[in-house]
N, C-alpha and C. Protein backbone atom coordinates (compact mmCIF):
# COMPACT_ATOMS: atom_id res chain seq x y z
N MET A 1 0.76 -1.17 -0.05
CA MET A 1 -0.02 -0.03 -0.01
C MET A 1 0.91 1.26 0.01
N SER A 2 0.51 2.20 -0.91
CA SER A 2 1.50 3.51 -0.98
C SER A 2 1.03 4.39 0.23
N LYS A 3 1.96 5.12 0.71
CA LYS A 3 1.80 6.05 1.70
C LYS A 3 1.27 7.36 0.99
N ARG A 4 0.29 8.07 1.59
CA ARG A 4 -0.27 9.11 1.10
C ARG A 4 0.53 10.41 1.44
N LEU A 5 0.49 11.33 0.87
CA LEU A 5 1.08 12.65 1.27
C LEU A 5 0.80 12.99 2.53
N SER A 6 -0.58 13.01 2.89
CA SER A 6 -1.16 13.36 4.11
C SER A 6 -0.90 12.57 5.33
N ASP A 7 -0.15 11.42 5.09
CA ASP A 7 0.11 10.49 6.17
C ASP A 7 1.43 10.99 6.87
N SER A 8 2.32 11.97 6.42
CA SER A 8 3.48 12.28 6.96
C SER A 8 3.09 13.80 7.62
N VAL A 9 3.74 14.19 8.70
CA VAL A 9 3.60 15.39 9.16
C VAL A 9 3.72 16.65 8.11
N PRO A 10 4.74 16.65 7.42
CA PRO A 10 4.88 17.68 6.52
C PRO A 10 3.77 17.74 5.41
N GLY A 11 3.30 16.53 5.06
CA GLY A 11 2.30 16.38 4.01
C GLY A 11 0.94 16.74 4.63
N LEU A 12 0.61 16.37 5.92
CA LEU A 12 -0.34 16.64 6.69
C LEU A 12 -0.53 18.38 6.87
N ASN A 13 0.50 18.77 7.29
CA ASN A 13 0.57 20.33 7.30
C ASN A 13 0.19 21.02 5.93
N ALA A 14 0.64 20.53 5.01
CA ALA A 14 0.59 21.01 3.51
C ALA A 14 -0.94 20.73 3.18
N ALA A 15 -1.61 19.65 3.46
CA ALA A 15 -2.92 19.35 3.09
C ALA A 15 -3.90 20.11 3.94
N PHE A 16 -3.61 20.23 5.14
CA PHE A 16 -4.34 21.05 6.09
C PHE A 16 -4.41 22.57 5.60
N THR A 17 -3.22 23.13 5.44
CA THR A 17 -3.30 24.51 5.09
C THR A 17 -3.74 24.82 3.73
N PHE A 18 -3.62 23.89 2.86
CA PHE A 18 -4.29 23.88 1.47
C PHE A 18 -5.90 23.92 1.59
N GLU A 19 -6.34 22.96 2.42
CA GLU A 19 -7.70 22.87 2.49
C GLU A 19 -8.32 23.93 3.40
N LEU A 20 -7.64 24.63 4.46
CA LEU A 20 -8.06 25.74 5.03
C LEU A 20 -8.11 26.86 4.04
N SER A 21 -7.10 27.21 3.38
CA SER A 21 -7.20 28.28 2.34
C SER A 21 -8.43 28.11 1.33
N THR A 22 -8.62 26.83 0.96
CA THR A 22 -9.57 26.59 -0.06
C THR A 22 -10.98 26.74 0.62
N ALA A 23 -11.08 26.40 1.76
CA ALA A 23 -12.40 26.50 2.45
C ALA A 23 -12.58 28.02 2.66
N GLY A 24 -11.72 28.74 3.04
CA GLY A 24 -11.80 30.25 3.29
C GLY A 24 -12.27 30.89 1.98
N ARG A 25 -11.67 30.50 0.92
CA ARG A 25 -12.01 31.29 -0.36
C ARG A 25 -13.41 30.85 -0.78
N LYS A 26 -13.76 29.52 -0.61
CA LYS A 26 -15.10 29.17 -1.09
C LYS A 26 -16.20 29.77 -0.11
N MET A 27 -15.96 29.84 1.21
CA MET A 27 -16.89 30.60 1.95
C MET A 27 -16.99 31.99 1.69
N ARG A 28 -15.86 32.69 1.50
CA ARG A 28 -15.96 34.13 1.00
C ARG A 28 -16.72 34.38 -0.13
N ARG A 29 -16.56 33.53 -1.25
CA ARG A 29 -17.18 33.54 -2.51
C ARG A 29 -18.77 33.42 -2.28
N LEU A 30 -19.10 32.41 -1.43
CA LEU A 30 -20.46 32.09 -1.25
C LEU A 30 -21.20 33.21 -0.42
N PHE A 31 -20.61 33.77 0.67
CA PHE A 31 -21.11 34.91 1.41
C PHE A 31 -21.16 36.15 0.53
N ASP A 32 -20.17 36.38 -0.17
CA ASP A 32 -20.15 37.48 -1.21
C ASP A 32 -21.34 37.39 -2.12
N GLY A 33 -21.63 36.41 -2.64
CA GLY A 33 -22.52 36.19 -3.68
C GLY A 33 -23.93 36.43 -3.11
N VAL A 34 -24.22 35.89 -1.82
CA VAL A 34 -25.38 36.07 -1.08
C VAL A 34 -25.58 37.44 -0.82
N VAL A 35 -24.66 38.22 -0.23
CA VAL A 35 -25.00 39.55 0.21
C VAL A 35 -24.95 40.63 -0.85
N ARG A 36 -24.41 40.28 -2.09
CA ARG A 36 -24.48 41.16 -3.24
C ARG A 36 -25.97 41.15 -3.70
N GLU A 37 -26.76 40.11 -3.46
CA GLU A 37 -28.14 40.14 -3.84
C GLU A 37 -28.87 41.35 -2.77
N HIS A 38 -28.33 41.69 -1.83
CA HIS A 38 -28.75 42.65 -0.96
C HIS A 38 -28.15 44.16 -1.03
N GLY A 39 -27.36 44.12 -2.20
CA GLY A 39 -26.68 45.42 -2.54
C GLY A 39 -25.43 45.81 -1.68
N LEU A 40 -24.82 44.73 -1.26
CA LEU A 40 -23.71 44.86 -0.38
C LEU A 40 -22.39 44.10 -0.84
N THR A 41 -21.23 44.35 -0.54
CA THR A 41 -20.15 43.58 -0.74
C THR A 41 -19.92 42.71 0.58
N LEU A 42 -18.99 41.78 0.29
CA LEU A 42 -18.80 40.98 1.54
C LEU A 42 -18.05 41.97 2.63
N SER A 43 -17.09 42.66 2.20
CA SER A 43 -16.36 43.66 3.02
C SER A 43 -17.30 44.60 3.65
N ARG A 44 -18.28 45.13 2.96
CA ARG A 44 -19.21 46.03 3.59
C ARG A 44 -20.13 45.41 4.61
N ALA A 45 -20.53 44.11 4.23
CA ALA A 45 -21.40 43.28 5.04
C ALA A 45 -20.60 43.06 6.55
N ARG A 46 -19.35 42.60 6.34
CA ARG A 46 -18.52 42.42 7.44
C ARG A 46 -18.46 43.68 8.33
N ALA A 47 -18.27 44.90 7.76
CA ALA A 47 -18.12 46.12 8.54
C ALA A 47 -19.24 46.41 9.18
N LEU A 48 -20.46 46.21 8.55
CA LEU A 48 -21.78 46.47 9.10
C LEU A 48 -21.91 45.52 10.43
N LEU A 49 -21.69 44.27 10.15
CA LEU A 49 -21.94 43.33 11.37
C LEU A 49 -21.05 43.73 12.51
N LEU A 50 -19.83 44.05 12.25
CA LEU A 50 -19.00 44.55 13.47
C LEU A 50 -19.39 45.71 14.02
N LEU A 51 -19.91 46.86 13.20
CA LEU A 51 -20.49 48.12 13.66
C LEU A 51 -21.68 47.77 14.59
N SER A 52 -22.38 46.82 14.44
CA SER A 52 -23.77 46.47 15.06
C SER A 52 -23.50 46.29 16.42
N GLY A 53 -22.37 45.82 16.88
CA GLY A 53 -22.00 45.57 18.38
C GLY A 53 -22.46 46.74 19.16
N HIS A 54 -22.36 46.64 20.45
CA HIS A 54 -22.72 47.50 21.46
C HIS A 54 -21.56 48.41 21.90
N ARG A 55 -20.99 49.00 20.76
CA ARG A 55 -19.78 50.02 21.23
C ARG A 55 -19.68 51.11 20.08
N THR A 56 -18.96 52.09 20.35
CA THR A 56 -18.74 53.17 19.32
C THR A 56 -17.43 52.78 18.75
N TRP A 57 -17.26 52.81 17.47
CA TRP A 57 -16.00 52.46 16.73
C TRP A 57 -15.54 53.78 16.10
N THR A 58 -14.15 53.73 16.06
CA THR A 58 -13.50 54.73 15.20
C THR A 58 -13.13 54.15 13.88
N GLN A 59 -12.74 54.79 12.92
CA GLN A 59 -12.22 54.22 11.80
C GLN A 59 -10.92 53.33 11.98
N ALA A 60 -9.93 53.86 12.67
CA ALA A 60 -8.79 53.03 12.97
C ALA A 60 -9.11 51.75 13.71
N GLU A 61 -9.98 51.74 14.78
CA GLU A 61 -10.36 50.65 15.33
C GLU A 61 -11.09 49.55 14.38
N LEU A 62 -11.89 50.00 13.49
CA LEU A 62 -12.55 49.18 12.56
C LEU A 62 -11.52 48.68 11.32
N ALA A 63 -10.45 49.40 11.14
CA ALA A 63 -9.46 48.88 10.30
C ALA A 63 -8.70 47.72 10.83
N ASP A 64 -8.44 47.98 12.30
CA ASP A 64 -7.80 46.97 12.92
C ASP A 64 -8.61 45.72 13.02
N ALA A 65 -9.84 45.70 13.34
CA ALA A 65 -10.67 44.63 13.52
C ALA A 65 -10.90 43.86 12.11
N LEU A 66 -10.97 44.62 10.96
CA LEU A 66 -11.21 44.09 9.66
C LEU A 66 -9.81 43.48 9.20
N ASP A 67 -8.68 44.05 9.88
CA ASP A 67 -7.25 43.62 9.46
C ASP A 67 -7.05 44.16 8.13
N VAL A 68 -7.33 45.35 7.92
CA VAL A 68 -7.16 46.09 6.63
C VAL A 68 -6.49 47.32 7.01
N GLU A 69 -5.69 48.04 6.04
CA GLU A 69 -5.08 49.23 6.06
C GLU A 69 -6.08 50.43 6.37
N PRO A 70 -5.83 51.38 6.97
CA PRO A 70 -6.65 52.47 7.24
C PRO A 70 -7.33 53.03 5.87
N PRO A 71 -6.34 53.35 4.75
CA PRO A 71 -6.90 53.91 3.60
C PRO A 71 -8.11 52.94 3.12
N SER A 72 -7.98 51.55 3.17
CA SER A 72 -8.79 50.63 2.80
C SER A 72 -10.23 50.91 3.45
N VAL A 73 -10.15 50.88 4.70
CA VAL A 73 -11.35 51.16 5.55
C VAL A 73 -12.07 52.47 5.23
N VAL A 74 -11.30 53.44 4.81
CA VAL A 74 -11.95 54.84 4.55
C VAL A 74 -12.62 54.64 3.20
N ARG A 75 -12.04 54.04 2.25
CA ARG A 75 -12.83 53.77 1.06
C ARG A 75 -14.08 52.70 1.15
N LEU A 76 -14.06 51.90 2.10
CA LEU A 76 -15.18 50.85 2.44
C LEU A 76 -16.08 51.91 3.13
N LEU A 77 -15.81 52.64 4.03
CA LEU A 77 -16.86 53.57 4.81
C LEU A 77 -17.47 54.53 3.88
N ASP A 78 -16.55 55.11 2.85
CA ASP A 78 -17.14 56.04 1.90
C ASP A 78 -18.27 55.47 1.12
N GLY A 79 -18.07 53.98 0.71
CA GLY A 79 -19.07 53.42 -0.02
C GLY A 79 -20.42 53.28 0.88
N LEU A 80 -20.21 52.85 2.16
CA LEU A 80 -21.24 52.58 3.16
C LEU A 80 -21.99 54.08 3.36
N GLU A 81 -21.38 55.07 3.37
CA GLU A 81 -21.85 56.37 3.57
C GLU A 81 -22.81 56.83 2.39
N ARG A 82 -22.16 56.46 1.09
CA ARG A 82 -22.94 56.85 -0.14
C ARG A 82 -24.25 55.92 -0.11
N GLN A 83 -24.13 54.86 0.53
CA GLN A 83 -25.42 53.91 0.49
C GLN A 83 -26.51 54.43 1.49
N GLY A 84 -25.97 55.35 2.40
CA GLY A 84 -26.82 55.64 3.46
C GLY A 84 -26.76 54.80 4.79
N MET A 85 -25.76 54.08 4.81
CA MET A 85 -25.58 53.03 5.80
C MET A 85 -25.14 53.60 7.21
N ILE A 86 -24.25 54.58 6.93
CA ILE A 86 -23.44 55.15 8.17
C ILE A 86 -23.35 56.68 8.07
N SER A 87 -22.94 57.08 9.21
CA SER A 87 -22.60 58.56 9.29
C SER A 87 -21.41 58.68 10.07
N ARG A 88 -20.53 59.70 9.84
CA ARG A 88 -19.17 59.71 10.59
C ARG A 88 -19.17 61.27 11.27
N SER A 89 -18.68 61.24 12.52
CA SER A 89 -18.66 62.42 13.23
C SER A 89 -17.19 62.34 13.89
N ALA A 90 -16.76 63.62 14.04
CA ALA A 90 -15.49 63.83 14.63
C ALA A 90 -15.53 63.47 16.17
N VAL A 91 -14.22 63.02 16.48
CA VAL A 91 -14.08 62.60 17.85
C VAL A 91 -13.61 63.66 18.55
N GLU A 92 -14.19 64.09 19.71
CA GLU A 92 -13.86 65.26 20.52
C GLU A 92 -12.49 65.02 20.92
N GLY A 93 -11.69 66.03 20.80
CA GLY A 93 -10.27 66.12 21.25
C GLY A 93 -9.29 65.49 20.18
N ASP A 94 -9.82 64.90 18.90
CA ASP A 94 -9.03 64.36 18.03
C ASP A 94 -9.65 64.61 16.76
N ARG A 95 -9.21 65.80 16.04
CA ARG A 95 -9.98 66.08 14.84
C ARG A 95 -9.70 65.19 13.65
N ARG A 96 -8.69 64.25 13.79
CA ARG A 96 -8.32 63.30 12.67
C ARG A 96 -9.14 62.07 12.85
N ALA A 97 -9.59 61.81 14.00
CA ALA A 97 -10.42 60.46 14.14
C ALA A 97 -11.87 60.85 14.05
N LYS A 98 -12.62 59.64 13.55
CA LYS A 98 -13.93 59.67 13.29
C LYS A 98 -14.58 58.55 13.87
N HIS A 99 -15.73 58.80 14.47
CA HIS A 99 -16.71 57.89 15.08
C HIS A 99 -17.61 57.37 13.98
N ILE A 100 -18.05 56.15 13.97
CA ILE A 100 -18.86 55.67 12.98
C ILE A 100 -20.19 55.37 13.60
N GLU A 101 -21.28 55.90 13.04
CA GLU A 101 -22.58 55.61 13.42
C GLU A 101 -23.59 54.95 12.55
N LEU A 102 -24.22 54.06 12.84
CA LEU A 102 -25.26 53.28 11.99
C LEU A 102 -26.42 54.10 11.69
N THR A 103 -26.90 54.00 10.57
CA THR A 103 -28.27 54.67 10.19
C THR A 103 -29.43 53.50 10.48
N GLU A 104 -30.57 54.00 10.48
CA GLU A 104 -31.70 52.98 10.52
C GLU A 104 -31.77 51.92 9.22
N PRO A 105 -31.56 52.53 8.05
CA PRO A 105 -31.45 51.56 6.98
C PRO A 105 -30.41 50.43 7.15
N ALA A 106 -29.33 50.76 7.78
CA ALA A 106 -28.20 49.82 8.19
C ALA A 106 -28.68 48.92 9.04
N ARG A 107 -29.41 49.28 10.10
CA ARG A 107 -29.98 48.34 11.05
C ARG A 107 -30.95 47.26 10.51
N VAL A 108 -31.59 47.69 9.65
CA VAL A 108 -32.44 46.77 8.87
C VAL A 108 -31.66 45.72 8.10
N GLN A 109 -30.70 46.37 7.28
CA GLN A 109 -29.85 45.57 6.50
C GLN A 109 -29.03 44.46 7.44
N ILE A 110 -28.60 45.00 8.55
CA ILE A 110 -27.98 44.18 9.39
C ILE A 110 -28.89 42.96 9.84
N GLY A 111 -30.10 43.20 10.08
CA GLY A 111 -31.12 42.11 10.48
C GLY A 111 -30.80 41.10 9.34
N HIS A 112 -31.00 41.56 8.08
CA HIS A 112 -31.13 40.62 6.98
C HIS A 112 -29.73 39.87 7.11
N MET A 113 -28.47 40.53 7.22
CA MET A 113 -27.18 39.79 7.14
C MET A 113 -27.09 38.76 8.21
N GLU A 114 -27.78 38.98 9.45
CA GLU A 114 -27.58 38.09 10.51
C GLU A 114 -28.40 36.89 10.21
N GLU A 115 -29.59 37.04 9.62
CA GLU A 115 -30.21 35.89 9.21
C GLU A 115 -29.72 35.14 8.13
N ILE A 116 -29.06 35.77 7.24
CA ILE A 116 -28.36 35.34 5.89
C ILE A 116 -27.14 34.56 6.57
N SER A 117 -26.35 35.08 7.49
CA SER A 117 -25.23 34.60 7.97
C SER A 117 -25.67 33.18 8.78
N ALA A 118 -26.57 33.12 9.51
CA ALA A 118 -27.02 32.05 10.27
C ALA A 118 -27.44 30.95 9.28
N THR A 119 -28.13 31.14 8.35
CA THR A 119 -28.49 30.13 7.17
C THR A 119 -27.31 29.64 6.55
N VAL A 120 -26.45 30.40 6.13
CA VAL A 120 -25.33 30.00 5.28
C VAL A 120 -24.43 29.09 6.22
N ARG A 121 -24.26 29.54 7.58
CA ARG A 121 -23.44 28.84 8.42
C ARG A 121 -24.03 27.35 8.61
N SER A 122 -25.11 27.29 8.83
CA SER A 122 -25.89 26.06 9.18
C SER A 122 -25.80 25.33 7.78
N ARG A 123 -25.84 25.80 6.73
CA ARG A 123 -25.55 24.93 5.53
C ARG A 123 -24.16 24.38 5.54
N LEU A 124 -23.25 25.42 5.78
CA LEU A 124 -21.73 25.00 5.57
C LEU A 124 -21.48 23.85 6.61
N LEU A 125 -22.09 23.77 7.69
CA LEU A 125 -21.59 23.03 8.93
C LEU A 125 -22.54 21.82 9.07
N GLU A 126 -23.47 21.72 8.14
CA GLU A 126 -24.48 20.59 8.07
C GLU A 126 -23.79 19.28 8.16
N GLY A 127 -24.13 18.45 9.01
CA GLY A 127 -23.46 17.18 9.07
C GLY A 127 -22.35 17.01 9.88
N ILE A 128 -21.77 18.14 10.48
CA ILE A 128 -20.55 18.07 11.24
C ILE A 128 -21.03 17.86 12.68
N ASP A 129 -20.40 16.86 13.43
CA ASP A 129 -20.57 16.69 14.87
C ASP A 129 -20.24 17.78 15.63
N PRO A 130 -20.89 18.33 16.71
CA PRO A 130 -20.64 19.45 17.39
C PRO A 130 -19.32 19.36 18.21
N GLU A 131 -18.94 18.04 18.57
CA GLU A 131 -17.59 17.78 19.22
C GLU A 131 -16.55 18.06 18.23
N ASP A 132 -16.72 17.64 16.81
CA ASP A 132 -15.79 17.93 15.84
C ASP A 132 -15.42 19.33 15.76
N LEU A 133 -16.72 20.13 15.61
CA LEU A 133 -16.55 21.65 15.62
C LEU A 133 -15.79 22.19 16.64
N LYS A 134 -15.89 21.55 17.91
CA LYS A 134 -15.36 22.10 19.07
C LYS A 134 -13.72 21.83 18.78
N ILE A 135 -13.20 20.78 18.40
CA ILE A 135 -12.01 20.54 18.09
C ILE A 135 -11.35 21.33 17.03
N ALA A 136 -12.11 21.49 15.87
CA ALA A 136 -11.81 22.36 14.72
C ALA A 136 -11.61 23.86 15.23
N LEU A 137 -12.53 24.25 16.04
CA LEU A 137 -12.44 25.68 16.52
C LEU A 137 -11.23 25.90 17.28
N ALA A 138 -10.79 24.86 18.09
CA ALA A 138 -9.48 25.08 18.92
C ALA A 138 -8.32 24.94 17.93
N VAL A 139 -8.40 24.13 17.04
CA VAL A 139 -7.24 24.15 16.01
C VAL A 139 -7.06 25.39 15.40
N LEU A 140 -8.38 26.00 14.81
CA LEU A 140 -8.30 27.25 13.95
C LEU A 140 -7.82 28.47 14.93
N ARG A 141 -8.21 28.33 16.32
CA ARG A 141 -7.71 29.50 17.02
C ARG A 141 -6.19 29.44 17.33
N GLN A 142 -5.61 28.15 17.23
CA GLN A 142 -4.23 27.96 17.33
C GLN A 142 -3.44 28.57 16.21
N VAL A 143 -4.14 28.18 14.88
CA VAL A 143 -3.41 28.72 13.69
C VAL A 143 -3.54 30.19 13.77
N VAL A 144 -4.55 30.91 14.06
CA VAL A 144 -4.63 32.29 14.11
C VAL A 144 -3.55 32.97 15.15
N SER A 145 -3.51 32.28 16.22
CA SER A 145 -2.56 32.65 17.24
C SER A 145 -1.03 32.50 16.70
N ASN A 146 -0.84 31.50 16.17
CA ASN A 146 0.58 31.25 15.46
C ASN A 146 0.72 32.33 14.31
N ALA A 147 -0.20 32.33 13.63
CA ALA A 147 -0.08 33.42 12.45
C ALA A 147 0.22 34.91 12.90
N GLU A 148 -0.58 35.24 14.06
CA GLU A 148 -0.26 36.58 14.71
C GLU A 148 1.13 36.66 15.31
N ALA A 149 1.65 35.52 15.94
CA ALA A 149 3.03 35.46 16.51
C ALA A 149 3.97 35.68 15.46
N ALA A 150 3.82 34.88 14.28
CA ALA A 150 4.81 34.99 13.12
C ALA A 150 5.00 36.24 12.57
N ARG A 151 3.80 37.04 12.52
CA ARG A 151 3.78 38.31 11.98
C ARG A 151 4.45 39.21 12.82
N SER A 152 4.22 39.15 14.15
CA SER A 152 4.76 40.14 15.14
C SER A 152 6.12 39.86 15.57
N ASP A 153 6.70 38.68 15.52
CA ASP A 153 7.92 38.43 16.08
C ASP A 153 9.22 38.39 15.10
N ASP A 154 8.81 38.95 13.90
CA ASP A 154 9.87 39.15 12.95
C ASP A 154 10.66 37.83 12.63
N ALA A 155 9.74 36.66 12.68
CA ALA A 155 10.28 35.54 12.31
C ALA A 155 10.83 35.38 11.06
N ASP A 156 11.95 34.60 10.71
CA ASP A 156 12.28 34.21 9.33
C ASP A 156 11.52 33.12 8.80
N LEU A 157 10.41 33.53 8.15
CA LEU A 157 9.46 32.27 7.75
C LEU A 157 9.98 31.53 6.36
N THR A 158 11.20 32.02 5.97
CA THR A 158 11.80 31.42 4.82
C THR A 158 12.73 30.15 5.29
N ALA A 159 12.99 30.33 6.55
CA ALA A 159 13.84 29.29 7.00
C ALA A 159 13.04 28.16 7.77
N PRO A 160 13.55 26.82 7.79
CA PRO A 160 12.84 25.82 8.56
C PRO A 160 12.91 26.11 10.03
N PRO A 161 12.09 25.31 10.71
CA PRO A 161 11.91 25.50 12.07
C PRO A 161 13.29 25.33 12.72
N ALA A 162 13.64 25.84 13.95
CA ALA A 162 14.90 25.65 14.52
C ALA A 162 15.36 24.23 14.82
N ASP A 163 14.35 23.51 14.98
CA ASP A 163 14.65 21.93 15.34
C ASP A 163 14.78 21.15 13.82
N GLY A 164 14.55 21.73 12.96
CA GLY A 164 14.75 21.23 11.57
C GLY A 164 13.49 20.37 11.13
N LYS A 165 12.59 20.48 11.93
CA LYS A 165 11.20 19.61 11.65
C LYS A 165 10.11 20.39 11.25
N ASP A 166 9.34 19.80 10.64
CA ASP A 166 7.91 20.55 10.02
C ASP A 166 6.95 19.91 10.95
N HIS A 167 6.58 20.63 12.02
CA HIS A 167 5.62 19.95 12.89
C HIS A 167 4.39 20.95 13.43
N VAL A 168 3.57 20.39 13.90
CA VAL A 168 2.46 21.13 14.60
C VAL A 168 2.49 21.03 15.97
N ARG A 169 2.47 22.22 16.71
CA ARG A 169 2.71 22.17 18.18
C ARG A 169 1.28 22.06 18.73
N ALA A 170 0.89 20.92 19.43
CA ALA A 170 -0.29 20.70 20.13
C ALA A 170 -0.47 21.70 21.58
N GLN A 171 -1.44 22.39 21.65
CA GLN A 171 -1.63 22.99 22.98
C GLN A 171 -2.90 22.79 23.42
């Protein structure tokens, strides 16, 4: 019997990250297609859903939460403002900063987006055991943590790990 690529740790790592990337692209494409039917892009829908939380956001905070550069979030907000979904107001004591406020049409749209998101999530995760989801969630959180650490610690990602092995650290 031949050994499959995913039977080795390096092969498993490669298969996992490839499938993770594929799943992310397919989910983004699916969500984007659905929200476009409601006059939004995926980026605008994500921004509205974040803004719907119980707090006041500045443009800089939203850029950080969306993991985009500030000029990108400004263009995103310009589009939402043109659609009548948000308004921006100056932050007292900092004339460069802007608070973002949702309009009533945005709140209606957010209600639709929440319903759509719940339906799409149910469809995507159909047939997956809740215990498997808990494990997958723990793994994904560790991947996110590792990615953030790799970005922030100036690691040389072109070099192999210090021990010379391609491995996944269990935590």
